[in-house]
Amino acid sequence: MTKNIEKEIFRQYIITNNLKFSRQREEIIEVFFSIDKHLSVDDIYRILKKKRISVGYTTVYRTMRLLCECNLAQERMFGDGQTRYEHVYGHHHHDHLICIKCRKIQEFHNPRIERLQEIVAGDNNFRALYHKLEIYGICEKCESERRSKE
């Protein structure tokens, strides 16, 4: 259901800004909204090519920028120089664990961490508007593989 709402919000944004809601854009948002992962423009482009959908790389990039402009997606950088996009609409705040070996990104939410951040901001007379927390390390699978090689 959320996917249909997201599509409609995007369609209205396109119309309001006198842009074209092309078949290519529709295919791009279909891929993005149907996969609950942090996707790069390269990822989306490859998925579309695999499905034999003709779309230009620049069109994917521009469509993702539009999704960010209308607050349906958010750009994320996870230390490897590649921009990824994550769903925003209908998704609650979360933080990330990033494996530096396999690049797996795991989302998590911890109310104690959230509360501690509020306390830290308050103790410093700082009104926090938003934050992002990224913890870099080695995931369980990569750590297990490393141990088995020892």
Protein backbone atom coordinates (compact mmCIF):
# COMPACT_ATOMS: atom_id res chain seq x y z
CA MET A 1 0.00 0.00 0.00
CA THR A 2 2.79 2.44 0.93
CA LYS A 3 4.38 1.84 -2.49
CA ASN A 4 1.22 3.11 -4.22
CA ILE A 5 1.13 6.20 -1.99
CA GLU A 6 4.80 6.87 -2.73
CA LYS A 7 4.17 6.55 -6.47
CA GLU A 8 1.25 8.98 -6.25
CA ILE A 9 3.26 11.51 -4.24
CA PHE A 10 6.02 11.32 -6.85
CA ARG A 11 3.57 11.62 -9.75
CA GLN A 12 2.00 14.71 -8.15
CA TYR A 13 5.45 16.22 -7.54
CA ILE A 14 6.36 15.69 -11.20
CA ILE A 15 3.10 17.27 -12.40
CA THR A 16 3.36 20.22 -9.99
CA ASN A 17 6.88 20.95 -11.24
CA ASN A 18 5.88 20.68 -14.91
CA LEU A 19 8.07 17.66 -15.50
CA LYS A 20 7.34 14.57 -17.55
CA PHE A 21 6.20 11.37 -15.82
CA SER A 22 7.79 9.04 -18.35
CA ARG A 23 7.63 5.27 -18.58
CA GLN A 24 11.35 5.18 -17.68
CA ARG A 25 10.74 7.14 -14.47
CA GLU A 26 7.88 4.83 -13.62
CA GLU A 27 10.15 1.79 -14.06
CA ILE A 28 12.86 3.39 -11.91
CA ILE A 29 10.54 4.16 -9.02
CA GLU A 30 8.98 0.70 -9.32
CA VAL A 31 12.41 -0.86 -8.77
CA PHE A 32 13.35 1.54 -5.97
CA PHE A 33 10.10 1.18 -4.03
CA SER A 34 9.94 -2.60 -4.43
CA ILE A 35 13.38 -3.32 -2.95
CA ASP A 36 13.88 -2.56 0.72
CA LYS A 37 17.64 -2.02 0.56
CA HIS A 38 20.05 0.88 0.26
CA LEU A 39 20.41 1.11 -3.52
CA SER A 40 22.89 3.07 -5.61
CA VAL A 41 22.17 4.48 -9.06
CA ASP A 42 24.40 1.66 -10.38
CA ASP A 43 22.29 -0.94 -8.57
CA ILE A 44 19.03 0.41 -9.99
CA TYR A 45 20.52 0.74 -13.48
CA ARG A 46 21.78 -2.89 -13.40
CA ILE A 47 18.40 -4.20 -12.20
CA LEU A 48 16.61 -2.36 -15.01
CA LYS A 49 19.08 -3.67 -17.62
CA LYS A 50 18.65 -7.20 -16.28
CA LYS A 51 14.89 -6.80 -16.79
CA ARG A 52 15.65 -5.57 -20.33
CA ILE A 53 14.17 -2.15 -19.61
CA SER A 54 15.70 0.56 -21.75
CA VAL A 55 16.67 3.50 -19.57
CA GLY A 56 19.67 5.82 -19.49
CA TYR A 57 22.02 6.04 -16.54
CA THR A 58 21.46 9.81 -16.36
CA THR A 59 17.70 9.28 -16.19
CA VAL A 60 18.16 6.97 -13.19
CA TYR A 61 20.38 9.55 -11.50
CA ARG A 62 17.99 12.44 -12.15
CA THR A 63 14.98 10.42 -11.02
CA MET A 64 16.70 9.57 -7.74
CA ARG A 65 17.49 13.26 -7.23
CA LEU A 66 13.78 14.05 -7.78
CA LEU A 67 12.79 11.39 -5.24
CA CYS A 68 15.07 13.12 -2.73
CA GLU A 69 13.62 16.54 -3.56
CA CYS A 70 10.09 15.34 -2.82
CA ASN A 71 11.22 13.60 0.42
CA LEU A 72 10.57 10.04 -0.72
CA ALA A 73 14.25 9.08 -0.69
CA GLN A 74 17.36 10.18 1.13
CA GLU A 75 20.96 10.09 -0.01
CA ARG A 76 23.28 8.12 2.24
CA MET A 77 27.06 7.76 2.14
CA PHE A 78 28.57 4.80 3.98
CA GLY A 79 32.29 5.46 3.68
CA ASP A 80 32.98 3.75 0.37
CA GLY A 81 32.50 6.77 -1.91
CA GLN A 82 29.23 5.52 -3.35
CA THR A 83 25.93 7.31 -2.83
CA ARG A 84 23.06 5.06 -1.89
CA TYR A 85 19.41 5.89 -1.48
CA GLU A 86 17.00 4.73 1.15
CA HIS A 87 13.23 4.98 1.46
CA VAL A 88 11.99 7.79 3.69
CA TYR A 89 8.20 7.88 3.40
CA GLY A 90 6.51 5.62 5.93
CA HIS A 91 9.83 4.50 7.39
CA HIS A 92 10.78 5.28 10.97
CA HIS A 93 14.10 6.72 12.04
CA HIS A 94 16.89 4.18 12.31
CA ASP A 95 20.66 4.01 12.45
CA HIS A 96 23.14 1.80 10.61
CA LEU A 97 25.77 -0.87 11.23
CA ILE A 98 28.16 -1.09 8.25
CA CYS A 99 30.51 -4.02 7.68
CA ILE A 100 33.84 -2.79 6.31
CA LYS A 101 34.55 -6.20 4.74
CA CYS A 102 31.41 -7.15 2.78
CA ARG A 103 29.75 -3.66 2.87
CA LYS A 104 26.54 -5.12 4.36
CA ILE A 105 24.36 -2.39 5.84
CA GLN A 106 22.14 -3.36 8.75
CA GLU A 107 19.50 -1.01 10.11
CA PHE A 108 18.74 -0.82 13.81
CA HIS A 109 16.83 1.30 16.29
CA ASN A 110 17.73 1.56 19.95
CA PRO A 111 15.60 3.77 22.23
CA ARG A 112 18.42 4.01 24.80
CA ILE A 113 20.78 5.50 22.21
CA GLU A 114 18.08 7.90 21.06
CA ARG A 115 17.44 9.05 24.64
CA LEU A 116 21.16 9.42 25.35
CA GLN A 117 21.54 11.67 22.29
CA GLU A 118 18.71 13.86 23.57
CA ILE A 119 20.41 14.09 26.97
CA VAL A 120 23.78 14.99 25.41
CA ALA A 121 22.16 17.70 23.29
CA GLY A 122 20.26 19.08 26.30
CA ASP A 123 23.34 19.03 28.54
CA ASN A 124 25.06 21.19 25.94
CA ASN A 125 22.12 23.59 25.48
CA PHE A 126 21.75 22.32 21.94
CA ARG A 127 18.43 21.80 20.18
CA ALA A 128 18.95 18.72 18.01
CA LEU A 129 16.84 18.58 14.86
CA TYR A 130 18.01 15.26 13.49
CA HIS A 131 20.99 12.95 13.55
CA LYS A 132 22.51 9.94 11.90
CA LEU A 133 24.53 7.25 13.58
CA GLU A 134 26.73 4.89 11.59
CA ILE A 135 28.77 2.22 13.30
CA TYR A 136 31.53 0.66 11.19
CA GLY A 137 32.91 -2.76 12.00
CA ILE A 138 32.85 -6.42 10.98
CA CYS A 139 29.58 -8.34 10.65
CA GLU A 140 29.02 -11.74 12.23
CA LYS A 141 29.43 -13.60 8.92
CA CYS A 142 32.74 -11.93 8.00
CA GLU A 143 34.06 -12.39 11.55
CA SER A 144 33.11 -16.07 11.47
CA GLU A 145 34.89 -16.51 8.10
CA ARG A 146 37.99 -14.78 9.49
CA ARG A 147 38.04 -17.07 12.53
CA SER A 148 37.65 -20.22 10.42
CA LYS A 149 40.78 -19.24 8.43
CA GLU A 150 42.91 -18.93 11.58
